[in-house]
Amino acid sequence: MPINALIVDGLQENREMLVAMLTGIGVRAVACATGFEALSNNSQQRFDFIMVSRHLEDIGAELFLVRFREHHRIDDALTIMLSNDAAAEVYYEANKAGYKLVFNKKDFPAIKDFILSAVNSRTIDLQAKILYVEDEPHLSQLTSSLLRRYRANVTSVLSLKSAITAFCEEDFDLIITDYYLDDGGTGDDLISFVRGYTDSDKALTPILVVSSEMSQSKRTSFLRNGADDFMIKPYDHDELIARASHLVSHKRIYEQFRKQQQELLKLAMSDQLTGLYNRRSLFDFGPKYISDAARHRYPLSLLVIDVDLFKSVNDNYGHAKGDAVLRKIGAVLQGACRNEDFVARFGGEEFVMLLSHCSLSDAMLKAEVVRKSVAESQPEGLLVTVSTGVAELAADDDLESLFGKADTAVYKAKDRGRNRVEQYAAEEVRDEILLS
């Protein structure tokens, strides 16, 4: 958000020097020679700094501020009177009129240093959801107002019970809590609840503790229990904002890091061509599917799906069209899955589906639906078919043996003419062994 300043001074030299100084530190400056010019030309603009010469040709600095306030919200603006006189009555006069500061109008280094410091403070933009827990209503109102000035979305509560309820219902970027709370609870109680929360991301919400009693042992206790920072009451407002900004920034850096880690993990577990899980994912997640089905005694089936005569697609139409065919088939398989199912590209033109809570007969029906859907989809305008082998988990199966059974059934489907679904049958395998 840009920082804006209004300069009202009758001397052109002063205006030009102030504009140059402010522009040099990144502040947009509007300069007016008279009070009425400023009142008439800037009715819609918001200013962060208002710098007015004590002596104007047309209107006094005190009356100017009264008139300016009638058309502008300037409660958050720093109003500065510029004067050649540093007498005590000038400061009294300025403060009575509503000016917050008085500077010697020729002391440009002092003005620049102050404005630069204020700009650095005002460029803090929290844009954070903050849970503020304070049992003293007046302090709660003042601090909440301060935080909102820096664009924080503040939820203010008085008690431990209310804080816990708010925390469970919403996600916050920061918790600021007093130590002694309205219902007899303490900041330590809130820290313990947050750090022990079941949602691991919410449990890491940064916590800033404020207390009027801050002995060395208590500070150590806060940090050991999981607080990220602490402040002693009464605290400086600028320091509070700086510490809050620091904690929120660290949370966002961590969230960005987590997001990047998740994206890297997704890349490592995904097939780049189809977007399905890859072979590595099957061997990472498959055993859990098997063990859960065995432990809870529900059926689980595995499908091995092989694209028929895929080599001829690549040979006749090129690898780009072959890739497009695989992407389309991957989309068909993904569309046939329930939330609890798992589908992966095993490699080349071979795909695998793990169907949880699915018996052999139901898996055969699902495989037939997939077979028809692939043929009807005609990827890239080509008639493409698949052969599928189906096997149901037996008591002595692991992932490797279950996959082997379904793979055996695929070869049977190929041998019997392709574009068909076959189930694994142990009896047929034994017969083949005897015949050989």
Protein backbone atom coordinates (compact mmCIF):
# COMPACT_ATOMS: atom_id res chain seq x y z
CA MET A 1 0.00 0.00 0.00
CA PRO A 2 1.54 3.38 -0.99
CA ILE A 3 2.47 5.90 1.71
CA ASN A 4 1.05 9.39 1.04
CA ALA A 5 1.96 12.76 2.52
CA LEU A 6 0.32 16.18 2.29
CA ILE A 7 2.56 19.25 2.56
CA VAL A 8 1.01 22.68 3.12
CA ASP A 9 3.59 25.46 3.14
CA GLY A 10 3.59 28.92 1.59
CA LEU A 11 7.30 28.88 0.70
CA GLN A 12 8.05 27.16 -2.60
CA GLU A 13 11.61 26.34 -1.50
CA ASN A 14 10.33 24.48 1.56
CA ARG A 15 7.75 22.59 -0.48
CA GLU A 16 10.30 21.49 -3.07
CA MET A 17 12.82 20.34 -0.47
CA LEU A 18 10.19 18.39 1.48
CA VAL A 19 8.83 16.76 -1.69
CA ALA A 20 12.34 15.74 -2.77
CA MET A 21 13.13 14.36 0.67
CA LEU A 22 9.89 12.35 0.91
CA THR A 23 10.12 11.05 -2.64
CA GLY A 24 13.63 9.83 -1.90
CA ILE A 25 12.34 7.55 0.86
CA GLY A 26 9.41 6.22 -1.14
CA VAL A 27 6.62 8.53 0.04
CA ARG A 28 4.19 10.05 -2.45
CA ALA A 29 3.98 13.76 -1.68
CA VAL A 30 1.28 16.30 -2.59
CA ALA A 31 2.36 19.91 -2.01
CA CYS A 32 0.01 22.88 -1.67
CA ALA A 33 0.88 26.56 -1.18
CA THR A 34 -2.24 27.49 0.82
CA GLY A 35 -4.68 25.87 3.19
CA PHE A 36 -7.66 26.41 0.90
CA GLU A 37 -5.79 24.81 -2.01
CA ALA A 38 -5.22 21.72 0.12
CA LEU A 39 -8.83 21.65 1.30
CA SER A 40 -10.26 21.97 -2.21
CA ASN A 41 -7.92 19.67 -4.14
CA ASN A 42 -7.56 16.63 -1.88
CA SER A 43 -11.05 15.79 -0.66
CA GLN A 44 -10.83 12.12 -1.74
CA GLN A 45 -7.22 11.23 -0.97
CA ARG A 46 -6.00 9.38 2.11
CA PHE A 47 -2.84 10.67 3.76
CA ASP A 48 -0.49 8.96 6.20
CA PHE A 49 1.41 12.19 6.98
CA ILE A 50 0.01 15.72 7.08
CA MET A 51 2.69 18.41 7.38
CA VAL A 52 1.40 21.97 7.79
CA SER A 53 3.30 25.20 8.23
CA ARG A 54 2.25 27.06 11.35
CA HIS A 55 1.80 30.30 9.42
CA LEU A 56 -0.22 30.11 6.20
CA GLU A 57 -1.32 33.09 4.13
CA ASP A 58 -5.03 32.30 4.14
CA ILE A 59 -5.85 30.19 7.19
CA GLY A 60 -4.24 29.28 10.51
CA ALA A 61 -2.75 25.83 10.91
CA GLU A 62 -5.17 25.09 13.77
CA LEU A 63 -8.30 25.98 11.77
CA PHE A 64 -6.94 24.18 8.72
CA LEU A 65 -6.76 20.90 10.64
CA VAL A 66 -10.31 21.35 11.94
CA ARG A 67 -11.63 21.92 8.40
CA PHE A 68 -9.53 19.10 6.95
CA ARG A 69 -10.82 16.68 9.58
CA GLU A 70 -14.40 17.44 8.52
CA HIS A 71 -13.81 15.76 5.15
CA HIS A 72 -11.11 13.20 5.95
CA ARG A 73 -10.55 10.34 8.34
CA ILE A 74 -7.17 11.26 9.75
CA ASP A 75 -7.14 9.41 13.09
CA ASP A 76 -4.35 7.14 11.84
CA ALA A 77 -2.42 9.95 10.13
CA LEU A 78 0.62 11.56 11.69
CA THR A 79 -0.19 15.28 11.81
CA ILE A 80 2.91 17.48 12.00
CA MET A 81 3.13 21.22 12.49
CA LEU A 82 6.16 22.89 10.90
CA SER A 83 7.32 25.97 12.77
CA ASN A 84 10.31 28.31 13.05
CA ASP A 85 9.59 28.73 16.75
CA ALA A 86 10.32 25.93 19.23
CA ALA A 87 8.81 27.67 22.27
CA ALA A 88 6.76 25.60 24.70
CA GLU A 89 3.57 27.49 23.87
CA VAL A 90 3.91 26.41 20.23
CA TYR A 91 3.87 22.75 21.27
CA TYR A 92 0.88 23.37 23.53
CA GLU A 93 -0.94 25.21 20.75
CA ALA A 94 -0.18 22.45 18.25
CA ASN A 95 -1.28 19.62 20.54
CA LYS A 96 -4.47 21.44 21.46
CA ALA A 97 -5.30 21.81 17.77
CA GLY A 98 -4.74 18.10 17.14
CA TYR A 99 -1.19 18.03 15.79
CA LYS A 100 0.74 15.09 17.16
CA LEU A 101 4.23 16.48 16.53
CA VAL A 102 6.05 19.76 15.97
CA PHE A 103 9.25 20.09 13.93
CA ASN A 104 11.50 22.99 13.11
CA LYS A 105 10.70 23.48 9.44
CA LYS A 106 14.38 23.97 8.60
CA ASP A 107 15.56 20.81 10.36
CA PHE A 108 15.22 18.53 7.35
CA PRO A 109 17.53 15.77 8.68
CA ALA A 110 15.37 15.37 11.81
CA ILE A 111 12.18 15.38 9.75
CA LYS A 112 13.63 12.81 7.35
CA ASP A 113 14.81 10.48 10.12
CA PHE A 114 11.43 10.59 11.81
CA ILE A 115 9.43 10.05 8.62
CA LEU A 116 11.71 7.19 7.56
CA SER A 117 11.25 5.49 10.93
CA ALA A 118 7.49 5.97 10.75
CA VAL A 119 7.37 4.65 7.17
CA ASN A 120 9.23 1.50 8.19
CA SER A 121 6.74 1.00 11.00
CA ARG A 122 3.71 1.68 8.82
CA THR A 123 4.83 -0.64 6.05
CA ILE A 124 4.21 -3.54 8.43
CA ASP A 125 1.07 -5.10 7.02
CA LEU A 126 0.00 -7.99 9.21
CA GLN A 127 -2.96 -9.21 7.14
CA ALA A 128 -3.24 -11.94 9.74
CA LYS A 129 -5.99 -13.60 11.77
CA ILE A 130 -5.11 -13.03 15.41
CA LEU A 131 -6.72 -14.54 18.50
CA TYR A 132 -6.24 -12.00 21.29
CA VAL A 133 -6.94 -13.22 24.85
CA GLU A 134 -7.02 -10.43 27.46
CA ASP A 135 -9.28 -10.26 30.53
CA GLU A 136 -9.07 -6.47 30.98
CA PRO A 137 -11.73 -5.00 28.63
CA HIS A 138 -10.17 -1.55 28.16
CA LEU A 139 -6.73 -2.93 27.29
CA SER A 140 -8.37 -5.53 25.05
CA GLN A 141 -10.17 -2.81 23.11
CA LEU A 142 -7.07 -0.62 22.75
CA THR A 143 -4.77 -3.43 21.63
CA SER A 144 -7.36 -4.87 19.25
CA SER A 145 -7.73 -1.43 17.67
CA LEU A 146 -3.94 -1.16 17.33
CA LEU A 147 -3.69 -4.56 15.62
CA ARG A 148 -6.54 -3.73 13.25
CA ARG A 149 -4.70 -0.57 12.24
CA TYR A 150 -2.14 -2.92 10.70
CA ARG A 151 -4.89 -4.83 8.88
CA ALA A 152 -5.12 -7.69 11.35
CA ASN A 153 -8.40 -9.58 11.64
CA VAL A 154 -8.72 -9.77 15.44
CA THR A 155 -10.91 -12.11 17.47
CA SER A 156 -10.85 -10.78 21.03
CA VAL A 157 -11.94 -12.93 24.00
CA LEU A 158 -11.65 -12.63 27.79
CA SER A 159 -11.45 -16.21 29.07
CA LEU A 160 -9.63 -19.49 28.54
CA LYS A 161 -12.89 -21.25 27.64
CA SER A 162 -13.74 -18.68 24.96
CA ALA A 163 -10.20 -18.83 23.61
CA ILE A 164 -10.34 -22.63 23.27
CA THR A 165 -13.72 -22.43 21.53
CA ALA A 166 -12.47 -19.81 19.06
CA PHE A 167 -9.28 -21.77 18.40
CA CYS A 168 -11.21 -24.96 17.64
CA GLU A 169 -13.62 -23.19 15.29
CA GLU A 170 -11.14 -21.08 13.29
CA ASP A 171 -7.58 -21.10 12.01
CA PHE A 172 -5.38 -18.29 13.34
CA ASP A 173 -1.99 -16.95 12.26
CA LEU A 174 -1.10 -15.84 15.79
CA ILE A 175 -2.33 -16.10 19.38
CA ILE A 176 -1.59 -13.25 21.80
CA THR A 177 -2.57 -14.15 25.35
CA ASP A 178 -2.39 -12.62 28.79
CA TYR A 179 -1.21 -14.94 31.55
CA TYR A 180 -4.10 -14.55 34.01
CA LEU A 181 -7.48 -14.95 32.30
CA ASP A 182 -11.06 -14.07 33.21
CA ASP A 183 -12.28 -17.55 34.21
CA GLY A 184 -9.29 -18.50 36.36
CA GLY A 185 -7.42 -20.10 33.48
CA THR A 186 -3.90 -19.13 32.52
CA GLY A 187 -1.81 -18.60 29.43
CA ASP A 188 -0.01 -21.85 30.26
CA ASP A 189 -3.33 -23.71 30.07
CA LEU A 190 -3.98 -22.27 26.61
CA ILE A 191 -0.45 -23.09 25.44
CA SER A 192 -0.86 -26.70 26.61
CA PHE A 193 -4.19 -27.05 24.80
CA VAL A 194 -2.88 -25.59 21.54
CA ARG A 195 0.34 -27.58 21.49
CA GLY A 196 -1.55 -30.80 22.21
CA TYR A 197 -4.22 -30.23 19.56
CA THR A 198 -4.93 -33.12 17.21
CA ASP A 199 -4.51 -31.05 14.03
CA SER A 200 -0.73 -30.82 13.73
CA ASP A 201 -0.81 -27.61 11.66
CA LYS A 202 -3.07 -25.78 14.13
CA ALA A 203 -0.94 -27.07 17.01
CA LEU A 204 1.98 -25.06 15.59
CA THR A 205 0.13 -21.72 15.72
CA PRO A 206 2.64 -19.17 17.14
CA ILE A 207 1.87 -17.88 20.64
CA LEU A 208 2.95 -14.56 22.17
CA VAL A 209 2.45 -14.31 25.95
CA VAL A 210 2.09 -10.93 27.69
CA SER A 211 2.17 -10.53 31.46
CA SER A 212 2.95 -7.93 34.11
CA GLU A 213 4.70 -10.67 36.11
CA MET A 214 7.64 -11.91 34.09
CA SER A 215 10.33 -13.36 36.32
CA GLN A 216 13.17 -15.36 34.81
CA SER A 217 11.58 -18.62 35.98
CA LYS A 218 8.21 -17.68 34.47
CA ARG A 219 9.78 -16.70 31.14
CA THR A 220 11.60 -20.03 31.07
CA SER A 221 8.36 -21.83 31.90
CA PHE A 222 6.52 -20.11 29.03
CA LEU A 223 9.16 -21.13 26.51
CA ARG A 224 9.39 -24.70 27.78
CA ASN A 225 5.62 -25.09 27.57
CA GLY A 226 5.63 -23.99 23.94
CA ALA A 227 5.30 -20.19 23.81
CA ASP A 228 7.18 -18.60 20.92
CA ASP A 229 7.75 -15.19 22.51
CA PHE A 230 6.79 -13.07 25.51
CA MET A 231 6.41 -9.39 26.45
CA ILE A 232 6.18 -7.55 29.76
CA LYS A 233 3.22 -5.26 30.51
CA PRO A 234 2.96 -2.37 29.95
CA TYR A 235 4.41 -2.92 26.50
CA ASP A 236 5.45 -0.53 23.77
CA HIS A 237 2.98 -0.58 20.87
CA ASP A 238 5.65 -0.54 18.18
CA GLU A 239 7.41 -3.47 19.84
CA LEU A 240 4.16 -5.44 20.01
CA ILE A 241 3.53 -4.90 16.30
CA ALA A 242 7.13 -5.79 15.45
CA ARG A 243 7.01 -9.03 17.48
CA ALA A 244 3.59 -9.96 16.07
CA SER A 245 4.84 -9.30 12.53
CA HIS A 246 7.94 -11.41 13.18
CA LEU A 247 5.91 -14.40 14.40
CA VAL A 248 3.39 -14.17 11.56
CA SER A 249 6.22 -13.91 9.02
CA HIS A 250 7.90 -17.02 10.41
CA LYS A 251 4.61 -18.92 10.27
CA ARG A 252 4.16 -17.97 6.63
CA ILE A 253 7.72 -18.95 5.78
CA TYR A 254 7.09 -22.34 7.41
CA GLU A 255 3.81 -22.74 5.53
CA GLN A 256 5.56 -21.95 2.26
CA PHE A 257 8.24 -24.50 3.10
CA ARG A 258 5.58 -27.12 3.90
CA LYS A 259 3.78 -26.35 0.65
CA GLN A 260 6.98 -26.79 -1.34
CA GLN A 261 7.71 -30.06 0.47
CA GLN A 262 4.23 -31.34 -0.33
CA GLU A 263 4.62 -30.34 -3.97
CA LEU A 264 7.96 -32.14 -4.15
CA LEU A 265 6.42 -35.22 -2.53
CA LYS A 266 3.53 -35.09 -4.99
CA LEU A 267 5.99 -34.90 -7.88
CA ALA A 268 7.93 -37.85 -6.48
CA MET A 269 4.77 -39.94 -6.06
CA SER A 270 3.03 -38.98 -9.31
CA ASP A 271 3.36 -40.16 -12.88
CA GLN A 272 4.32 -37.08 -14.86
CA LEU A 273 2.43 -38.12 -17.99
CA THR A 274 -0.98 -39.07 -16.59
CA GLY A 275 -1.02 -37.39 -13.17
CA LEU A 276 -1.89 -40.73 -11.55
CA TYR A 277 0.17 -42.28 -8.78
CA ASN A 278 3.34 -43.97 -10.00
CA ARG A 279 4.93 -47.38 -9.40
CA ARG A 280 6.79 -46.12 -6.33
CA SER A 281 3.51 -44.96 -4.79
CA LEU A 282 1.97 -48.38 -5.32
CA PHE A 283 4.73 -50.02 -3.29
CA ASP A 284 4.56 -47.26 -0.66
CA PHE A 285 0.78 -47.23 -0.16
CA GLY A 286 -0.22 -50.71 -1.36
CA PRO A 287 0.96 -52.64 1.74
CA LYS A 288 -1.23 -50.40 3.94
CA TYR A 289 -4.27 -51.23 1.80
CA ILE A 290 -3.43 -54.93 2.16
CA SER A 291 -2.84 -54.84 5.92
CA ASP A 292 -5.99 -52.80 6.61
CA ALA A 293 -8.13 -55.22 4.61
CA ALA A 294 -6.60 -58.21 6.40
CA ARG A 295 -6.94 -56.64 9.86
CA HIS A 296 -10.55 -55.52 9.43
CA ARG A 297 -11.53 -58.52 7.31
CA TYR A 298 -13.07 -56.76 4.35
CA PRO A 299 -12.56 -57.73 0.70
CA LEU A 300 -9.97 -56.06 -1.50
CA SER A 301 -9.28 -56.65 -5.17
CA LEU A 302 -6.50 -55.63 -7.54
CA LEU A 303 -6.79 -54.93 -11.27
CA VAL A 304 -3.90 -54.98 -13.70
CA ILE A 305 -4.91 -53.14 -16.89
CA ASP A 306 -2.76 -53.40 -20.01
CA VAL A 307 -3.34 -51.41 -23.22
CA ASP A 308 -3.68 -53.77 -26.17
CA LEU A 309 -1.17 -53.49 -29.03
CA PHE A 310 0.11 -50.18 -27.71
CA LYS A 311 3.44 -50.54 -29.52
CA SER A 312 1.60 -50.25 -32.83
CA VAL A 313 0.13 -46.90 -31.72
CA ASN A 314 3.61 -45.51 -31.13
CA ASP A 315 4.98 -47.08 -34.32
CA ASN A 316 2.15 -45.91 -36.58
CA TYR A 317 1.22 -42.54 -35.07
CA GLY A 318 4.27 -41.42 -33.08
CA HIS A 319 5.07 -41.19 -29.40
CA ALA A 320 3.27 -37.86 -28.94
CA LYS A 321 -0.03 -39.47 -29.92
CA GLY A 322 0.85 -42.51 -27.82
CA ASP A 323 1.34 -40.24 -24.80
CA ALA A 324 -2.03 -38.60 -25.47
CA VAL A 325 -3.67 -42.04 -25.54
CA LEU A 326 -2.14 -42.93 -22.15
CA ARG A 327 -3.28 -39.62 -20.66
CA LYS A 328 -6.83 -40.26 -21.82
CA ILE A 329 -6.86 -43.80 -20.44
CA GLY A 330 -5.48 -42.47 -17.15
CA ALA A 331 -8.36 -39.99 -16.99
CA VAL A 332 -10.89 -42.77 -17.66
CA LEU A 333 -9.43 -44.87 -14.84
CA GLN A 334 -9.37 -41.93 -12.44
CA GLY A 335 -12.98 -41.17 -13.27
CA ALA A 336 -13.96 -44.75 -12.45
CA CYS A 337 -12.40 -44.59 -8.96
CA ARG A 338 -14.13 -44.01 -5.65
CA ASN A 339 -12.42 -41.91 -2.98
CA GLU A 340 -11.10 -45.03 -1.26
CA ASP A 341 -9.67 -46.59 -4.44
CA PHE A 342 -6.08 -46.29 -5.63
CA VAL A 343 -5.01 -46.09 -9.28
CA ALA A 344 -1.46 -45.91 -10.60
CA ARG A 345 0.44 -46.12 -13.84
CA PHE A 346 2.71 -49.07 -13.19
CA GLY A 347 4.91 -48.43 -16.20
CA GLY A 348 4.68 -48.22 -19.97
CA GLU A 349 1.11 -49.06 -20.98
CA GLU A 350 0.26 -50.92 -17.75
CA PHE A 351 -2.00 -49.57 -14.98
CA VAL A 352 -3.01 -50.90 -11.55
CA MET A 353 -6.17 -50.32 -9.53
CA LEU A 354 -6.57 -51.28 -5.86
CA LEU A 355 -10.25 -51.51 -4.94
CA SER A 356 -10.94 -51.36 -1.22
CA HIS A 357 -14.09 -53.05 0.17
CA CYS A 358 -14.53 -54.74 -3.20
CA SER A 359 -15.12 -58.48 -3.73
CA LEU A 360 -13.97 -60.41 -6.78
CA SER A 361 -17.43 -60.31 -8.38
CA ASP A 362 -17.73 -56.54 -7.85
CA ALA A 363 -14.20 -56.03 -9.15
CA MET A 364 -15.06 -57.98 -12.31
CA LEU A 365 -18.02 -55.66 -12.87
CA LYS A 366 -15.84 -52.58 -12.30
CA ALA A 367 -13.21 -53.93 -14.70
CA GLU A 368 -15.86 -54.49 -17.37
CA VAL A 369 -17.10 -50.91 -16.96
CA VAL A 370 -13.54 -49.65 -17.36
CA ARG A 371 -12.97 -51.82 -20.44
CA LYS A 372 -16.07 -50.46 -22.16
CA SER A 373 -15.30 -46.86 -21.14
CA VAL A 374 -11.80 -47.03 -22.63
CA ALA A 375 -13.08 -48.47 -25.92
CA GLU A 376 -15.84 -45.86 -26.14
CA SER A 377 -13.50 -42.96 -25.34
CA GLN A 378 -11.54 -43.47 -28.59
CA PRO A 379 -8.53 -41.42 -27.46
CA GLU A 380 -7.05 -39.33 -30.27
CA GLY A 381 -9.74 -40.77 -32.55
CA LEU A 382 -8.25 -44.27 -32.29
CA LEU A 383 -9.98 -47.49 -31.34
CA VAL A 384 -7.96 -48.50 -28.29
CA THR A 385 -8.79 -51.42 -26.02
CA VAL A 386 -7.46 -52.85 -22.77
CA SER A 387 -7.05 -56.31 -21.30
CA THR A 388 -7.59 -56.62 -17.56
CA GLY A 389 -6.66 -59.20 -14.95
CA VAL A 390 -8.52 -59.29 -11.63
CA ALA A 391 -7.52 -60.95 -8.35
CA GLU A 392 -9.03 -60.85 -4.86
CA LEU A 393 -6.90 -60.72 -1.72
CA ALA A 394 -6.47 -64.11 -0.04
CA ALA A 395 -5.43 -64.72 3.56
CA ASP A 396 -1.80 -65.48 2.67
CA ASP A 397 -1.37 -62.67 0.10
CA ASP A 398 0.90 -59.67 0.26
CA LEU A 399 1.05 -56.94 -2.38
CA GLU A 400 3.57 -58.78 -4.52
CA SER A 401 1.63 -62.05 -4.61
CA LEU A 402 -1.70 -60.30 -5.23
CA PHE A 403 -0.19 -58.32 -8.09
CA GLY A 404 1.30 -61.52 -9.50
CA LYS A 405 -2.13 -63.16 -9.56
CA ALA A 406 -3.75 -60.25 -11.40
CA ASP A 407 -0.81 -60.09 -13.80
CA THR A 408 -1.27 -63.79 -14.56
CA ALA A 409 -4.92 -63.10 -15.36
CA VAL A 410 -3.89 -60.32 -17.77
CA TYR A 411 -1.85 -62.78 -19.81
CA LYS A 412 -4.88 -65.05 -19.91
CA ALA A 413 -6.97 -62.15 -21.28
CA LYS A 414 -4.32 -61.48 -23.94
CA ASP A 415 -4.17 -65.15 -24.92
CA ARG A 416 -7.96 -65.29 -25.26
CA GLY A 417 -8.16 -62.45 -27.77
CA ARG A 418 -7.55 -59.17 -25.87
CA ASN A 419 -10.16 -56.50 -25.05
CA ARG A 420 -11.54 -58.64 -22.24
CA VAL A 421 -11.51 -59.14 -18.47
CA GLU A 422 -10.23 -62.31 -16.81
CA GLN A 423 -10.02 -63.30 -13.16
CA TYR A 424 -7.25 -65.22 -11.48
CA ALA A 425 -8.12 -68.85 -10.90
CA ALA A 426 -5.71 -70.98 -8.88
CA GLU A 427 -7.15 -74.17 -10.38
CA GLU A 428 -6.23 -73.11 -13.93
CA VAL A 429 -2.69 -72.29 -12.84
CA ARG A 430 -2.30 -75.72 -11.23
CA ASP A 431 -3.64 -77.38 -14.39
CA GLU A 432 -1.13 -75.47 -16.54
CA ILE A 433 1.71 -76.55 -14.25
CA LEU A 434 0.62 -80.20 -14.48
CA LEU A 435 0.31 -80.03 -18.28
CA SER A 436 3.76 -78.55 -18.59
